[in-house]
C-alpha atoms as a PDB file:
ATOM      1  CA  UNK A   1     -59.665  80.644 -29.098  1.00  0.00           C
ATOM      2  CA  UNK A   2     -60.331  76.941 -29.606  1.00  0.00           C
ATOM      3  CA  UNK A   3     -56.966  76.024 -28.079  1.00  0.00           C
ATOM      4  CA  UNK A   4     -57.651  78.296 -25.102  1.00  0.00           C
ATOM      5  CA  UNK A   5     -61.051  76.665 -24.595  1.00  0.00           C
ATOM      6  CA  UNK A   6     -59.433  73.216 -24.698  1.00  0.00           C
ATOM      7  CA  UNK A   7     -56.858  74.251 -22.085  1.00  0.00           C
ATOM      8  CA  UNK A   8     -59.554  75.637 -19.779  1.00  0.00           C
ATOM      9  CA  UNK A   9     -61.650  72.487 -20.224  1.00  0.00           C
ATOM     10  CA  UNK A  10     -58.628  70.290 -19.410  1.00  0.00           C
ATOM     11  CA  UNK A  11     -57.887  72.286 -16.252  1.00  0.00           C
ATOM     12  CA  UNK A  12     -61.572  72.060 -15.267  1.00  0.00           C
ATOM     13  CA  UNK A  13     -61.568  68.251 -15.613  1.00  0.00           C
ATOM     14  CA  UNK A  14     -58.225  67.988 -13.813  1.00  0.00           C
ATOM     15  CA  UNK A  15     -59.478  70.099 -10.903  1.00  0.00           C
ATOM     16  CA  UNK A  16     -62.589  68.033 -10.376  1.00  0.00           C
ATOM     17  CA  UNK A  17     -60.656  64.788 -10.781  1.00  0.00           C
ATOM     18  CA  UNK A  18     -58.291  65.859  -8.014  1.00  0.00           C
ATOM     19  CA  UNK A  19     -61.180  67.140  -5.907  1.00  0.00           C
ATOM     20  CA  UNK A  20     -63.006  63.848  -6.340  1.00  0.00           C
ATOM     21  CA  UNK A  21     -59.911  61.915  -5.303  1.00  0.00           C
ATOM     22  CA  UNK A  22     -59.566  64.055  -2.193  1.00  0.00           C
ATOM     23  CA  UNK A  23     -63.201  63.588  -1.247  1.00  0.00           C
ATOM     24  CA  UNK A  24     -62.947  59.821  -1.630  1.00  0.00           C
ATOM     25  CA  UNK A  25     -59.685  59.588   0.297  1.00  0.00           C
ATOM     26  CA  UNK A  26     -59.130  56.211   1.881  1.00  0.00           C
ATOM     27  CA  UNK A  27     -60.394  55.770   5.417  1.00  0.00           C
ATOM     28  CA  UNK A  28     -57.310  54.674   7.436  1.00  0.00           C
ATOM     29  CA  UNK A  29     -59.490  52.567   9.748  1.00  0.00           C
ATOM     30  CA  UNK A  30     -61.278  50.700   6.979  1.00  0.00           C
ATOM     31  CA  UNK A  31     -60.429  46.994   6.705  1.00  0.00           C
ATOM     32  CA  UNK A  32     -60.319  45.149   3.385  1.00  0.00           C
ATOM     33  CA  UNK A  33     -60.721  41.472   2.544  1.00  0.00           C
ATOM     34  CA  UNK A  34     -59.722  39.683  -0.636  1.00  0.00           C
ATOM     35  CA  UNK A  35     -61.724  36.454  -0.693  1.00  0.00           C
ATOM     36  CA  UNK A  36     -60.523  33.683  -3.010  1.00  0.00           C
ATOM     37  CA  UNK A  37     -62.972  30.809  -3.432  1.00  0.00           C
ATOM     38  CA  UNK A  38     -62.426  27.098  -4.015  1.00  0.00           C
ATOM     39  CA  UNK A  39     -62.005  25.201  -7.287  1.00  0.00           C
ATOM     40  CA  UNK A  40     -65.575  23.874  -7.431  1.00  0.00           C
ATOM     41  CA  UNK A  41     -66.960  27.404  -7.741  1.00  0.00           C
ATOM     42  CA  UNK A  42     -64.419  28.072 -10.480  1.00  0.00           C
ATOM     43  CA  UNK A  43     -65.684  25.108 -12.480  1.00  0.00           C
ATOM     44  CA  UNK A  44     -69.438  25.316 -11.873  1.00  0.00           C
ATOM     45  CA  UNK A  45     -72.343  27.745 -11.738  1.00  0.00           C
ATOM     46  CA  UNK A  46     -73.188  28.921  -8.240  1.00  0.00           C
ATOM     47  CA  UNK A  47     -76.513  27.091  -8.306  1.00  0.00           C
ATOM     48  CA  UNK A  48     -74.824  23.717  -8.922  1.00  0.00           C
ATOM     49  CA  UNK A  49     -74.493  21.523  -5.847  1.00  0.00           C
ATOM     50  CA  UNK A  50     -71.463  19.347  -5.203  1.00  0.00           C
ATOM     51  CA  UNK A  51     -72.540  15.672  -5.140  1.00  0.00           C
ATOM     52  CA  UNK A  52     -71.119  15.175  -1.635  1.00  0.00           C
ATOM     53  CA  UNK A  53     -70.749  18.620  -0.082  1.00  0.00           C
ATOM     54  CA  UNK A  54     -73.809  20.372  -1.439  1.00  0.00           C
ATOM     55  CA  UNK A  55     -74.105  23.975  -2.613  1.00  0.00           C
ATOM     56  CA  UNK A  56     -71.080  26.213  -2.253  1.00  0.00           C
ATOM     57  CA  UNK A  57     -72.301  29.209  -0.266  1.00  0.00           C
ATOM     58  CA  UNK A  58     -70.158  31.792  -2.026  1.00  0.00           C
ATOM     59  CA  UNK A  59     -72.587  34.713  -1.777  1.00  0.00           C
ATOM     60  CA  UNK A  60     -73.408  33.899   1.836  1.00  0.00           C
ATOM     61  CA  UNK A  61     -69.706  33.958   2.729  1.00  0.00           C
ATOM     62  CA  UNK A  62     -69.159  37.290   0.964  1.00  0.00           C
ATOM     63  CA  UNK A  63     -72.235  38.809   2.608  1.00  0.00           C
ATOM     64  CA  UNK A  64     -71.066  37.677   6.034  1.00  0.00           C
ATOM     65  CA  UNK A  65     -67.810  39.597   5.622  1.00  0.00           C
ATOM     66  CA  UNK A  66     -69.639  42.642   4.271  1.00  0.00           C
ATOM     67  CA  UNK A  67     -72.061  42.557   7.205  1.00  0.00           C
ATOM     68  CA  UNK A  68     -69.061  42.972   9.501  1.00  0.00           C
ATOM     69  CA  UNK A  69     -68.105  46.208   7.708  1.00  0.00           C
ATOM     70  CA  UNK A  70     -65.292  44.815   5.588  1.00  0.00           C
ATOM     71  CA  UNK A  71     -64.863  46.020   2.033  1.00  0.00           C
ATOM     72  CA  UNK A  72     -64.656  42.758   0.091  1.00  0.00           C
ATOM     73  CA  UNK A  73     -62.858  42.147  -3.186  1.00  0.00           C
ATOM     74  CA  UNK A  74     -63.875  38.874  -4.802  1.00  0.00           C
ATOM     75  CA  UNK A  75     -64.908  37.466  -8.135  1.00  0.00           C
ATOM     76  CA  UNK A  76     -65.888  34.119  -9.622  1.00  0.00           C
ATOM     77  CA  UNK A  77     -62.744  33.024 -11.420  1.00  0.00           C
ATOM     78  CA  UNK A  78     -62.664  31.529 -14.904  1.00  0.00           C
ATOM     79  CA  UNK A  79     -62.321  27.768 -15.225  1.00  0.00           C
ATOM     80  CA  UNK A  80     -58.741  26.454 -15.143  1.00  0.00           C
ATOM     81  CA  UNK A  81     -57.355  29.697 -13.748  1.00  0.00           C
ATOM     82  CA  UNK A  82     -53.603  29.482 -13.173  1.00  0.00           C
ATOM     83  CA  UNK A  83     -53.055  29.988  -9.434  1.00  0.00           C
ATOM     84  CA  UNK A  84     -49.686  31.726  -9.682  1.00  0.00           C
ATOM     85  CA  UNK A  85     -50.820  34.070 -12.474  1.00  0.00           C
ATOM     86  CA  UNK A  86     -53.984  35.004 -10.601  1.00  0.00           C
ATOM     87  CA  UNK A  87     -51.932  35.690  -7.487  1.00  0.00           C
ATOM     88  CA  UNK A  88     -49.925  38.271  -9.440  1.00  0.00           C
ATOM     89  CA  UNK A  89     -53.192  40.036 -10.260  1.00  0.00           C
ATOM     90  CA  UNK A  90     -54.173  40.150  -6.583  1.00  0.00           C
ATOM     91  CA  UNK A  91     -50.716  41.427  -5.623  1.00  0.00           C
ATOM     92  CA  UNK A  92     -51.163  44.363  -8.010  1.00  0.00           C
ATOM     93  CA  UNK A  93     -54.540  45.160  -6.455  1.00  0.00           C
ATOM     94  CA  UNK A  94     -53.073  45.089  -2.954  1.00  0.00           C
ATOM     95  CA  UNK A  95     -50.158  47.292  -3.965  1.00  0.00           C
ATOM     96  CA  UNK A  96     -52.724  49.714  -5.388  1.00  0.00           C
ATOM     97  CA  UNK A  97     -54.420  49.948  -1.983  1.00  0.00           C
ATOM     98  CA  UNK A  98     -51.082  50.408  -0.244  1.00  0.00           C
ATOM     99  CA  UNK A  99     -50.228  53.287  -2.591  1.00  0.00           C
ATOM    100  CA  UNK A 100     -53.516  54.940  -1.605  1.00  0.00           C
ATOM    101  CA  UNK A 101     -52.431  54.884   2.030  1.00  0.00           C
ATOM    102  CA  UNK A 102     -54.160  51.757   3.285  1.00  0.00           C
ATOM    103  CA  UNK A 103     -52.140  50.221   6.111  1.00  0.00           C
ATOM    104  CA  UNK A 104     -50.951  46.697   5.303  1.00  0.00           C
ATOM    105  CA  UNK A 105     -52.461  45.269   8.503  1.00  0.00           C
ATOM    106  CA  UNK A 106     -55.868  46.467   7.274  1.00  0.00           C
ATOM    107  CA  UNK A 107     -55.638  44.133   4.288  1.00  0.00           C
ATOM    108  CA  UNK A 108     -56.471  40.439   4.610  1.00  0.00           C
ATOM    109  CA  UNK A 109     -56.324  37.752   1.940  1.00  0.00           C
ATOM    110  CA  UNK A 110     -58.585  34.787   2.720  1.00  0.00           C
ATOM    111  CA  UNK A 111     -58.526  31.693   0.532  1.00  0.00           C
ATOM    112  CA  UNK A 112     -60.337  28.360   0.639  1.00  0.00           C
ATOM    113  CA  UNK A 113     -58.924  25.217  -1.034  1.00  0.00           C
ATOM    114  CA  UNK A 114     -57.552  26.309  -4.461  1.00  0.00           C
ATOM    115  CA  UNK A 115     -58.214  29.889  -3.411  1.00  0.00           C
ATOM    116  CA  UNK A 116     -56.023  29.202  -0.399  1.00  0.00           C
ATOM    117  CA  UNK A 117     -53.169  28.130  -2.649  1.00  0.00           C
ATOM    118  CA  UNK A 118     -53.596  31.345  -4.622  1.00  0.00           C
ATOM    119  CA  UNK A 119     -53.483  33.229  -1.317  1.00  0.00           C
ATOM    120  CA  UNK A 120     -50.229  31.448  -0.452  1.00  0.00           C
ATOM    121  CA  UNK A 121     -48.733  32.629  -3.731  1.00  0.00           C
ATOM    122  CA  UNK A 122     -49.934  36.163  -2.951  1.00  0.00           C
ATOM    123  CA  UNK A 123     -48.132  35.947   0.389  1.00  0.00           C
ATOM    124  CA  UNK A 124     -44.978  34.771  -1.392  1.00  0.00           C
ATOM    125  CA  UNK A 125     -45.002  37.383  -4.171  1.00  0.00           C
ATOM    126  CA  UNK A 126     -46.122  40.353  -2.078  1.00  0.00           C
ATOM    127  CA  UNK A 127     -43.379  39.873   0.539  1.00  0.00           C
ATOM    128  CA  UNK A 128     -45.100  42.181   3.011  1.00  0.00           C
ATOM    129  CA  UNK A 129     -44.886  40.828   6.590  1.00  0.00           C
ATOM    130  CA  UNK A 130     -47.671  43.123   7.823  1.00  0.00           C
ATOM    131  CA  UNK A 131     -50.469  41.947   5.508  1.00  0.00           C
ATOM    132  CA  UNK A 132     -52.886  39.356   6.959  1.00  0.00           C
ATOM    133  CA  UNK A 133     -53.542  35.965   5.405  1.00  0.00           C
ATOM    134  CA  UNK A 134     -55.986  33.157   6.194  1.00  0.00           C
ATOM    135  CA  UNK A 135     -55.343  29.833   4.456  1.00  0.00           C
ATOM    136  CA  UNK A 136     -58.283  27.434   4.747  1.00  0.00           C
ATOM    137  CA  UNK A 137     -58.176  23.733   3.856  1.00  0.00           C
ATOM    138  CA  UNK A 138     -55.194  24.181   1.553  1.00  0.00           C
ATOM    139  CA  UNK A 139     -52.079  22.437   2.773  1.00  0.00           C
ATOM    140  CA  UNK A 140     -50.848  18.861   2.490  1.00  0.00           C
ATOM    141  CA  UNK A 141     -47.512  17.479   3.668  1.00  0.00           C
ATOM    142  CA  UNK A 142     -46.468  16.760   0.075  1.00  0.00           C
ATOM    143  CA  UNK A 143     -46.761  20.463  -0.773  1.00  0.00           C
ATOM    144  CA  UNK A 144     -43.296  21.056   0.676  1.00  0.00           C
ATOM    145  CA  UNK A 145     -41.733  19.045  -2.140  1.00  0.00           C
ATOM    146  CA  UNK A 146     -44.388  19.461  -4.851  1.00  0.00           C
ATOM    147  CA  UNK A 147     -44.771  23.256  -4.485  1.00  0.00           C
ATOM    148  CA  UNK A 148     -41.355  24.346  -3.198  1.00  0.00           C
ATOM    149  CA  UNK A 149     -41.659  27.920  -4.495  1.00  0.00           C
ATOM    150  CA  UNK A 150     -44.219  28.964  -1.858  1.00  0.00           C
ATOM    151  CA  UNK A 151     -42.890  30.897   1.126  1.00  0.00           C
ATOM    152  CA  UNK A 152     -45.199  32.241   3.811  1.00  0.00           C
ATOM    153  CA  UNK A 153     -44.863  35.949   4.549  1.00  0.00           C
ATOM    154  CA  UNK A 154     -47.182  38.074   6.695  1.00  0.00           C
ATOM    155  CA  UNK A 155     -49.538  37.431   9.571  1.00  0.00           C
ATOM    156  CA  UNK A 156     -50.580  33.854   8.851  1.00  0.00           C
ATOM    157  CA  UNK A 157     -53.639  31.994  10.130  1.00  0.00           C
ATOM    158  CA  UNK A 158     -54.280  28.490   8.828  1.00  0.00           C
ATOM    159  CA  UNK A 159     -57.573  26.683   9.387  1.00  0.00           C
ATOM    160  CA  UNK A 160     -58.046  23.015   8.601  1.00  0.00           C
ATOM    161  CA  UNK A 161     -60.621  20.325   9.322  1.00  0.00           C
ATOM    162  CA  UNK A 162     -59.627  17.108  11.083  1.00  0.00           C
ATOM    163  CA  UNK A 163     -61.784  14.957   8.768  1.00  0.00           C
ATOM    164  CA  UNK A 164     -60.446  16.641   5.596  1.00  0.00           C
ATOM    165  CA  UNK A 165     -57.640  14.850   3.753  1.00  0.00           C
ATOM    166  CA  UNK A 166     -56.873  18.023   1.791  1.00  0.00           C
ATOM    167  CA  UNK A 167     -55.920  20.126   4.756  1.00  0.00           C
ATOM    168  CA  UNK A 168     -53.484  19.492   7.614  1.00  0.00           C
ATOM    169  CA  UNK A 169     -51.209  21.554   9.837  1.00  0.00           C
ATOM    170  CA  UNK A 170     -48.962  23.859   7.776  1.00  0.00           C
ATOM    171  CA  UNK A 171     -46.348  24.351  10.474  1.00  0.00           C
ATOM    172  CA  UNK A 172     -43.725  22.709   8.238  1.00  0.00           C
ATOM    173  CA  UNK A 173     -44.328  25.321   5.544  1.00  0.00           C
ATOM    174  CA  UNK A 174     -43.900  28.066   8.110  1.00  0.00           C
ATOM    175  CA  UNK A 175     -40.640  26.508   9.316  1.00  0.00           C
ATOM    176  CA  UNK A 176     -39.223  26.157   5.782  1.00  0.00           C
ATOM    177  CA  UNK A 177     -40.314  29.599   4.560  1.00  0.00           C
ATOM    178  CA  UNK A 178     -37.500  32.043   3.871  1.00  0.00           C
ATOM    179  CA  UNK A 179     -39.606  35.188   4.339  1.00  0.00           C
ATOM    180  CA  UNK A 180     -40.742  36.966   7.495  1.00  0.00           C
ATOM    181  CA  UNK A 181     -43.821  35.778   9.366  1.00  0.00           C
ATOM    182  CA  UNK A 182     -44.848  38.215  12.100  1.00  0.00           C
ATOM    183  CA  UNK A 183     -47.703  36.169  13.522  1.00  0.00           C
ATOM    184  CA  UNK A 184     -48.608  32.528  12.958  1.00  0.00           C
ATOM    185  CA  UNK A 185     -51.531  30.551  14.326  1.00  0.00           C
ATOM    186  CA  UNK A 186     -53.410  27.383  13.402  1.00  0.00           C
ATOM    187  CA  UNK A 187     -56.922  26.167  14.115  1.00  0.00           C
ATOM    188  CA  UNK A 188     -58.047  22.560  13.746  1.00  0.00           C
ATOM    189  CA  UNK A 189     -61.798  22.174  13.315  1.00  0.00           C
ATOM    190  CA  UNK A 190     -63.899  19.115  14.107  1.00  0.00           C
ATOM    191  CA  UNK A 191     -67.055  19.594  12.032  1.00  0.00           C
ATOM    192  CA  UNK A 192     -66.830  16.114  10.487  1.00  0.00           C
ATOM    193  CA  UNK A 193     -67.787  17.735   7.158  1.00  0.00           C
ATOM    194  CA  UNK A 194     -64.546  16.719   5.413  1.00  0.00           C
ATOM    195  CA  UNK A 195     -63.595  19.181   2.658  1.00  0.00           C
ATOM    196  CA  UNK A 196     -67.199  20.346   2.570  1.00  0.00           C
ATOM    197  CA  UNK A 197     -66.668  22.521   5.658  1.00  0.00           C
ATOM    198  CA  UNK A 198     -65.270  25.310   3.500  1.00  0.00           C
ATOM    199  CA  UNK A 199     -68.246  25.172   1.125  1.00  0.00           C
ATOM    200  CA  UNK A 200     -70.428  26.521   3.918  1.00  0.00           C
ATOM    201  CA  UNK A 201     -70.643  29.946   5.541  1.00  0.00           C
ATOM    202  CA  UNK A 202     -69.732  28.431   8.900  1.00  0.00           C
ATOM    203  CA  UNK A 203     -68.939  30.540  11.949  1.00  0.00           C
ATOM    204  CA  UNK A 204     -66.280  27.960  12.819  1.00  0.00           C
ATOM    205  CA  UNK A 205     -63.959  29.410  10.179  1.00  0.00           C
ATOM    206  CA  UNK A 206     -65.552  32.740   9.296  1.00  0.00           C
ATOM    207  CA  UNK A 207     -65.480  34.181  12.837  1.00  0.00           C
ATOM    208  CA  UNK A 208     -61.744  33.567  13.429  1.00  0.00           C
ATOM    209  CA  UNK A 209     -61.051  34.879   9.924  1.00  0.00           C
ATOM    210  CA  UNK A 210     -62.830  38.124  10.803  1.00  0.00           C
ATOM    211  CA  UNK A 211     -60.938  38.407  14.084  1.00  0.00           C
ATOM    212  CA  UNK A 212     -57.639  37.877  12.288  1.00  0.00           C
ATOM    213  CA  UNK A 213     -58.586  40.531   9.739  1.00  0.00           C
ATOM    214  CA  UNK A 214     -59.259  42.914  12.634  1.00  0.00           C
ATOM    215  CA  UNK A 215     -55.794  42.348  14.085  1.00  0.00           C
ATOM    216  CA  UNK A 216     -56.702  39.887  16.837  1.00  0.00           C
ATOM    217  CA  UNK A 217     -53.666  37.677  16.429  1.00  0.00           C
ATOM    218  CA  UNK A 218     -54.355  35.867  19.696  1.00  0.00           C
ATOM    219  CA  UNK A 219     -57.918  35.057  18.593  1.00  0.00           C
ATOM    220  CA  UNK A 220     -59.338  35.831  22.003  1.00  0.00           C
END
């Protein structure tokens, strides 16, 4: 009798687990954003202001994406996080969404500064040309030789600030990448905020990022 009760209980749990999964089936039109923040946020509390750039508006950036109906995956990383290792973690999360039926062009990985380098590794490891990526303030000419294992793959938007020495055009990386890039576009900003532009929840980079995440590869 006890074994029979256990079998019935197991089937009961299984039924409701399956029913729950069906009821929470992924919306095919829902868009997802993985936001990867900069190194300063990784190394400091959110209430600490950078001596030159001021407070990093992490929560404001996340809330801006959420306000535009994106489901946002983001977390404050631990200090000294290894970029390549963390990228592997994000790749697993993305593959999990894909297995649930989310279309790859409904997934966008957005990274600023160190987060942008992590996003580049995600692009390399995932090898899915239909996933969207936005790399912000995270490419220097020396990266071609110093980080040769990165290869762009996907729909790639790069955003950099003219006054920022840590971000320039990444066209060379696109040209040397061995993987498929379906769409590629670059935006040069002129905020005169140097690297501090990506600390702020500025429309100058957030609006085009949202458009890219919504499949506007012409950024009209």
